[in-house]
């Protein structure tokens, strides 16, 4: 198979923004409530266009990560810090506390080591797609960049592990053809090996959860979401009222696991995958963004319906930035 890397770069980056845009109206809602509000998601979108007018901080920060990689021809710490600070002037749309509190400190001259929040939230994972794309041919650099880009704002090991997993998944999927598929066993083995060289208890727990996910792919989508929506979440952050219900927690591990689960349950088309991702329940915009980056890297832009691309504001500008990122990748690798 000859890989059209530009098509895959474009698919992954626009996939983030599609999933983010489609998921943001449903953020904070239970899946059962979301899915009960329509019979056909396409009809719902058509009749409620006013709900899908914007993406959120997930897409904004993804684009800033792409800019940082372009400007530095790879990972340069100061470029990332500068781009994160620039995000404050966008202004941020629906930001998470971990990201915005850390980045405000960076703006006021506090060093990143002191500014980073001890948060295991999904704020580092939602923006990681450009790193998975740019370093898809240099896996050591991929891992280093995933960690370093993460700890600027989130010092918790769950955040950096989640960033590595999603970046590595993108690097794997970019070389796969949706016409022929890929080995689920190989996919999981690669993800697990990417975080298996640490003695950190959180990383070891993440590996156990990935193994549980692998053995749970025969579950229905609803049953799997109920099982994994708050996986890994500890007190006092566990939400008791949502026990036994589909409401994806913004903890990095639970969000990543649910995003991968939905993607793997919908390998027939980008459209089906993104509709299920965006209506996952809970942190639906981030599930949409993360899962959209995976689905986009797998299916490529050519397999994304034009009407979904048009839903995204400034989609042409986003695709132009993705092309610039690809050109830097091509020059370097």
Protein backbone atom coordinates (compact mmCIF):
# COMPACT_ATOMS: atom_id res chain seq x y z
CA UNK A 1 0.00 0.00 0.00
CA UNK A 2 1.23 3.47 -0.91
CA UNK A 3 0.18 5.87 1.82
CA UNK A 4 -1.09 9.34 0.90
CA UNK A 5 0.29 11.04 3.98
CA UNK A 6 -1.17 14.43 3.12
CA UNK A 7 -4.62 12.84 2.94
CA UNK A 8 -4.07 11.17 6.32
CA UNK A 9 -2.70 14.37 7.95
CA UNK A 10 -5.71 16.30 6.68
CA UNK A 11 -8.09 13.59 7.79
CA UNK A 12 -6.73 13.47 11.32
CA UNK A 13 -6.58 17.24 11.90
CA UNK A 14 -10.01 17.92 10.43
CA UNK A 15 -11.25 14.82 12.27
CA UNK A 16 -10.37 16.52 15.57
CA UNK A 17 -12.40 19.60 14.66
CA UNK A 18 -15.38 17.65 13.31
CA UNK A 19 -15.65 15.50 16.43
CA UNK A 20 -15.17 18.55 18.64
CA UNK A 21 -17.79 20.58 16.77
CA UNK A 22 -20.37 17.80 16.76
CA UNK A 23 -19.73 16.86 20.38
CA UNK A 24 -19.73 20.30 22.01
CA UNK A 25 -23.56 20.77 22.14
CA UNK A 26 -23.82 17.53 24.13
CA UNK A 27 -21.06 18.12 26.67
CA UNK A 28 -22.15 17.26 30.19
CA UNK A 29 -25.15 15.17 29.14
CA UNK A 30 -25.78 11.47 29.64
CA UNK A 31 -25.57 9.37 26.49
CA UNK A 32 -29.08 8.05 27.04
CA UNK A 33 -30.38 11.62 27.10
CA UNK A 34 -28.46 12.60 23.97
CA UNK A 35 -29.49 9.56 21.95
CA UNK A 36 -33.08 9.90 23.14
CA UNK A 37 -33.37 13.35 21.58
CA UNK A 38 -33.26 12.12 17.97
CA UNK A 39 -33.86 9.08 15.79
CA UNK A 40 -31.47 10.08 13.01
CA UNK A 41 -28.39 12.15 13.82
CA UNK A 42 -28.06 13.55 10.29
CA UNK A 43 -31.64 14.83 10.40
CA UNK A 44 -30.98 16.29 13.85
CA UNK A 45 -27.91 18.12 12.55
CA UNK A 46 -29.82 19.45 9.55
CA UNK A 47 -32.65 20.74 11.73
CA UNK A 48 -30.40 22.19 14.45
CA UNK A 49 -27.54 23.83 12.59
CA UNK A 50 -27.38 26.57 15.21
CA UNK A 51 -26.05 24.04 17.73
CA UNK A 52 -22.96 23.18 15.66
CA UNK A 53 -21.47 26.60 15.04
CA UNK A 54 -18.14 26.20 16.77
CA UNK A 55 -15.43 23.88 17.94
CA UNK A 56 -13.87 24.30 21.40
CA UNK A 57 -10.47 24.48 23.09
CA UNK A 58 -9.75 20.95 21.87
CA UNK A 59 -9.40 22.15 18.28
CA UNK A 60 -7.88 25.49 19.23
CA UNK A 61 -5.01 23.89 21.13
CA UNK A 62 -4.54 21.22 18.48
CA UNK A 63 -3.95 23.97 15.93
CA UNK A 64 -1.51 25.72 18.27
CA UNK A 65 0.42 22.47 18.69
CA UNK A 66 0.61 22.20 14.90
CA UNK A 67 1.91 25.77 14.70
CA UNK A 68 4.55 25.02 17.33
CA UNK A 69 5.78 21.97 15.40
CA UNK A 70 5.87 23.94 12.15
CA UNK A 71 7.77 26.86 13.66
CA UNK A 72 10.29 24.60 15.39
CA UNK A 73 10.50 21.93 12.67
CA UNK A 74 9.77 19.55 15.54
CA UNK A 75 9.48 19.89 19.30
CA UNK A 76 10.99 23.09 20.71
CA UNK A 77 9.86 23.80 24.25
CA UNK A 78 9.69 27.57 23.97
CA UNK A 79 7.62 27.36 20.78
CA UNK A 80 5.06 25.22 22.56
CA UNK A 81 4.92 27.58 25.53
CA UNK A 82 4.51 30.55 23.17
CA UNK A 83 1.69 28.87 21.26
CA UNK A 84 -0.12 27.83 24.44
CA UNK A 85 0.05 31.45 25.64
CA UNK A 86 -1.24 32.69 22.26
CA UNK A 87 -4.30 30.52 22.83
CA UNK A 88 -5.36 32.88 25.62
CA UNK A 89 -5.94 35.54 22.96
CA UNK A 90 -8.11 33.35 20.71
CA UNK A 91 -9.98 33.50 23.21
CA UNK A 92 -10.36 29.99 24.72
CA UNK A 93 -13.68 28.25 24.05
CA UNK A 94 -14.86 26.04 26.92
CA UNK A 95 -11.40 25.54 28.44
CA UNK A 96 -10.61 22.97 31.10
CA UNK A 97 -9.29 24.19 34.44
CA UNK A 98 -5.98 22.32 34.19
CA UNK A 99 -5.04 23.91 30.87
CA UNK A 100 -6.14 27.46 31.42
CA UNK A 101 -4.82 27.77 34.98
CA UNK A 102 -1.39 26.49 33.94
CA UNK A 103 -1.18 28.59 30.80
CA UNK A 104 -2.19 31.77 32.60
CA UNK A 105 0.72 31.16 34.95
CA UNK A 106 3.03 30.73 31.96
CA UNK A 107 1.82 34.06 30.59
CA UNK A 108 2.83 35.78 33.82
CA UNK A 109 6.36 34.40 33.61
CA UNK A 110 6.09 31.44 35.96
CA UNK A 111 8.30 28.55 34.78
CA UNK A 112 6.47 25.61 33.26
CA UNK A 113 7.72 23.29 36.01
CA UNK A 114 5.92 25.43 38.58
CA UNK A 115 2.98 26.36 36.37
CA UNK A 116 1.90 22.82 35.49
CA UNK A 117 -1.20 21.55 37.27
CA UNK A 118 -1.08 18.15 38.97
CA UNK A 119 -4.06 17.20 36.84
CA UNK A 120 -4.76 13.88 35.17
CA UNK A 121 -7.36 15.52 32.97
CA UNK A 122 -7.65 14.99 29.22
CA UNK A 123 -6.41 18.46 28.25
CA UNK A 124 -3.08 17.14 26.96
CA UNK A 125 -4.65 14.27 25.01
CA UNK A 126 -7.17 16.37 23.11
CA UNK A 127 -4.37 18.41 21.47
CA UNK A 128 -1.87 15.62 20.70
CA UNK A 129 -2.82 14.69 17.12
CA UNK A 130 -0.19 16.85 15.34
CA UNK A 131 2.57 15.13 17.35
CA UNK A 132 1.30 11.67 16.37
CA UNK A 133 1.27 12.76 12.74
CA UNK A 134 4.56 14.66 12.57
CA UNK A 135 6.59 12.01 14.39
CA UNK A 136 4.91 8.95 12.86
CA UNK A 137 8.28 7.93 11.37
CA UNK A 138 10.31 8.67 14.50
CA UNK A 139 8.68 6.89 17.42
CA UNK A 140 11.30 7.81 20.01
CA UNK A 141 10.78 11.48 19.21
CA UNK A 142 7.04 10.91 19.23
CA UNK A 143 7.11 9.64 22.79
CA UNK A 144 9.45 12.37 24.00
CA UNK A 145 7.37 15.10 22.37
CA UNK A 146 4.12 13.65 23.72
CA UNK A 147 5.50 13.70 27.27
CA UNK A 148 7.16 17.10 27.02
CA UNK A 149 4.16 18.77 25.41
CA UNK A 150 1.97 17.30 28.13
CA UNK A 151 3.94 18.18 31.26
CA UNK A 152 4.00 21.88 30.37
CA UNK A 153 0.43 22.05 31.62
CA UNK A 154 -0.33 18.68 33.29
CA UNK A 155 2.30 17.07 35.51
CA UNK A 156 0.16 14.02 36.35
CA UNK A 157 1.40 10.71 34.82
CA UNK A 158 -2.09 9.80 33.56
CA UNK A 159 -2.02 12.85 31.28
CA UNK A 160 1.36 12.05 29.73
CA UNK A 161 0.47 8.36 29.33
CA UNK A 162 -2.77 9.28 27.58
CA UNK A 163 -0.90 11.61 25.25
CA UNK A 164 1.58 8.86 24.33
CA UNK A 165 -1.19 6.33 23.68
CA UNK A 166 -3.17 8.57 21.34
CA UNK A 167 -0.10 9.84 19.48
CA UNK A 168 1.15 6.28 19.02
CA UNK A 169 -2.27 5.11 17.86
CA UNK A 170 -2.31 7.84 15.20
CA UNK A 171 1.20 6.88 14.04
CA UNK A 172 0.01 3.27 13.69
CA UNK A 173 -3.26 4.05 11.92
CA UNK A 174 -1.76 6.48 9.41
CA UNK A 175 -0.15 3.54 7.60
CA UNK A 176 -3.31 1.40 7.53
CA UNK A 177 -5.77 1.02 4.67
CA UNK A 178 -9.46 0.95 5.71
CA UNK A 179 -10.13 -1.32 2.74
CA UNK A 180 -8.00 -4.09 4.26
CA UNK A 181 -8.18 -3.23 7.97
CA UNK A 182 -5.59 -3.97 10.63
CA UNK A 183 -4.78 -6.43 13.39
CA UNK A 184 -6.52 -5.55 16.65
CA UNK A 185 -3.96 -7.63 18.56
CA UNK A 186 -1.08 -5.77 16.94
CA UNK A 187 -2.78 -2.44 17.63
CA UNK A 188 -3.09 -3.15 21.35
CA UNK A 189 0.38 -4.65 21.60
CA UNK A 190 1.87 -1.49 20.13
CA UNK A 191 -0.11 0.80 22.41
CA UNK A 192 0.80 -1.20 25.50
CA UNK A 193 4.49 -1.37 24.55
CA UNK A 194 4.57 2.42 24.17
CA UNK A 195 4.04 2.87 27.93
CA UNK A 196 5.49 -0.39 29.23
CA UNK A 197 8.93 0.95 30.13
CA UNK A 198 7.83 2.81 33.25
CA UNK A 199 7.55 1.74 36.86
CA UNK A 200 4.85 4.33 37.46
CA UNK A 201 1.76 2.80 39.06
CA UNK A 202 -0.59 4.87 36.88
CA UNK A 203 1.07 3.67 33.68
CA UNK A 204 0.84 0.07 34.90
CA UNK A 205 -2.83 0.60 35.68
CA UNK A 206 -3.33 2.04 32.19
CA UNK A 207 -1.83 -1.12 30.69
CA UNK A 208 -4.22 -3.29 32.72
CA UNK A 209 -7.16 -1.21 31.50
CA UNK A 210 -6.01 -1.48 27.87
CA UNK A 211 -5.94 -5.27 28.27
CA UNK A 212 -9.47 -5.16 29.69
CA UNK A 213 -10.59 -3.04 26.76
CA UNK A 214 -9.08 -5.49 24.30
CA UNK A 215 -11.09 -8.34 25.84
CA UNK A 216 -14.30 -6.26 25.92
CA UNK A 217 -14.70 -5.37 22.26
CA UNK A 218 -17.61 -7.79 21.90
CA UNK A 219 -19.69 -5.65 24.26
CA UNK A 220 -22.35 -3.41 22.79
CA UNK A 221 -21.36 0.22 22.48
CA UNK A 222 -23.64 1.24 25.34
CA UNK A 223 -22.43 -1.57 27.61
CA UNK A 224 -18.80 -0.72 26.90
CA UNK A 225 -19.33 2.96 27.63
CA UNK A 226 -21.02 2.12 30.91
CA UNK A 227 -18.08 -0.13 31.80
CA UNK A 228 -15.33 2.33 30.86
CA UNK A 229 -16.85 5.82 31.32
CA UNK A 230 -15.09 6.36 34.65
CA UNK A 231 -12.42 3.70 34.48
CA UNK A 232 -9.37 4.60 36.54
CA UNK A 233 -11.09 7.52 38.27
CA UNK A 234 -10.46 7.65 42.01
CA UNK A 235 -12.28 9.38 44.86
CA UNK A 236 -13.06 12.22 45.26
CA UNK A 237 -13.32 12.66 41.50
CA UNK A 238 -15.52 9.63 40.79
CA UNK A 239 -19.11 10.72 40.06
CA UNK A 240 -21.36 8.42 42.07
CA UNK A 241 -24.61 9.53 40.43
CA UNK A 242 -23.35 8.33 37.03
CA UNK A 243 -22.33 4.86 38.20
CA UNK A 244 -23.76 2.35 35.72
CA UNK A 245 -24.49 5.04 33.13
CA UNK A 246 -22.67 6.29 30.05
CA UNK A 247 -21.03 9.59 30.98
CA UNK A 248 -17.39 9.83 29.93
CA UNK A 249 -15.27 11.36 32.67
CA UNK A 250 -12.70 14.04 31.72
CA UNK A 251 -9.91 11.97 33.33
CA UNK A 252 -7.30 11.20 30.68
CA UNK A 253 -7.44 7.41 31.00
CA UNK A 254 -11.22 7.08 30.89
CA UNK A 255 -11.54 9.51 27.97
CA UNK A 256 -8.83 7.79 25.95
CA UNK A 257 -10.22 4.30 26.61
CA UNK A 258 -13.76 5.31 25.63
CA UNK A 259 -12.53 7.09 22.48
CA UNK A 260 -10.55 4.03 21.37
CA UNK A 261 -13.47 1.73 22.19
CA UNK A 262 -15.94 3.70 20.08
CA UNK A 263 -13.46 3.99 17.20
CA UNK A 264 -12.79 0.24 17.19
CA UNK A 265 -16.53 -0.48 17.23
CA UNK A 266 -17.01 1.65 14.10
CA UNK A 267 -14.35 0.68 11.58
CA UNK A 268 -16.85 0.67 8.72
CA UNK A 269 -16.90 4.43 8.06
CA UNK A 270 -15.68 7.76 9.37
CA UNK A 271 -19.23 9.07 9.49
CA UNK A 272 -20.55 6.28 11.70
CA UNK A 273 -17.55 6.57 14.00
CA UNK A 274 -17.81 10.34 14.44
CA UNK A 275 -21.55 10.26 15.14
CA UNK A 276 -21.04 7.72 17.92
CA UNK A 277 -18.02 9.56 19.33
CA UNK A 278 -19.75 12.93 19.45
CA UNK A 279 -22.75 11.48 21.29
CA UNK A 280 -20.77 9.42 23.81
CA UNK A 281 -22.05 11.40 26.77
CA UNK A 282 -20.10 13.31 29.39
CA UNK A 283 -17.03 14.98 27.89
CA UNK A 284 -18.44 14.42 24.42
CA UNK A 285 -16.50 17.13 22.60
CA UNK A 286 -13.18 15.69 23.76
CA UNK A 287 -14.23 12.12 22.96
CA UNK A 288 -15.19 13.45 19.52
CA UNK A 289 -11.86 15.23 19.13
CA UNK A 290 -9.69 12.31 20.24
CA UNK A 291 -11.69 9.68 18.38
CA UNK A 292 -11.91 11.99 15.38
CA UNK A 293 -8.11 12.21 15.26
CA UNK A 294 -7.91 8.39 15.18
CA UNK A 295 -10.69 7.93 12.64
CA UNK A 296 -9.30 10.71 10.46
CA UNK A 297 -5.81 9.20 10.48
CA UNK A 298 -7.30 5.84 9.53
CA UNK A 299 -9.85 6.82 6.89
CA UNK A 300 -8.11 9.93 5.52
CA UNK A 301 -9.73 13.08 4.21
CA UNK A 302 -10.94 11.35 1.05
CA UNK A 303 -13.30 9.18 3.11
CA UNK A 304 -14.79 12.06 5.11
CA UNK A 305 -18.09 13.37 3.71
CA UNK A 306 -17.89 16.94 2.44
CA UNK A 307 -20.91 18.02 4.48
CA UNK A 308 -19.10 17.07 7.70
CA UNK A 309 -16.07 19.12 6.68
CA UNK A 310 -18.31 22.11 5.96
CA UNK A 311 -19.78 21.93 9.48
CA UNK A 312 -16.40 23.07 10.84
CA UNK A 313 -15.81 26.81 10.93
CA UNK A 314 -12.66 27.92 9.10
CA UNK A 315 -12.24 24.37 7.72
CA UNK A 316 -10.20 25.62 4.74
CA UNK A 317 -7.79 27.41 7.09
CA UNK A 318 -7.46 24.28 9.22
CA UNK A 319 -6.71 22.13 6.17
CA UNK A 320 -4.15 24.67 4.98
CA UNK A 321 -2.38 24.48 8.34
CA UNK A 322 -2.47 20.68 8.15
CA UNK A 323 -0.88 20.82 4.70
CA UNK A 324 1.88 23.07 6.05
CA UNK A 325 2.50 20.58 8.86
CA UNK A 326 2.67 17.78 6.29
CA UNK A 327 5.18 19.73 4.17
CA UNK A 328 7.43 20.18 7.22
CA UNK A 329 7.11 16.45 7.90
CA UNK A 330 8.00 15.63 4.30
CA UNK A 331 11.05 17.88 4.38
CA UNK A 332 12.34 16.33 7.58
CA UNK A 333 11.48 12.67 7.18
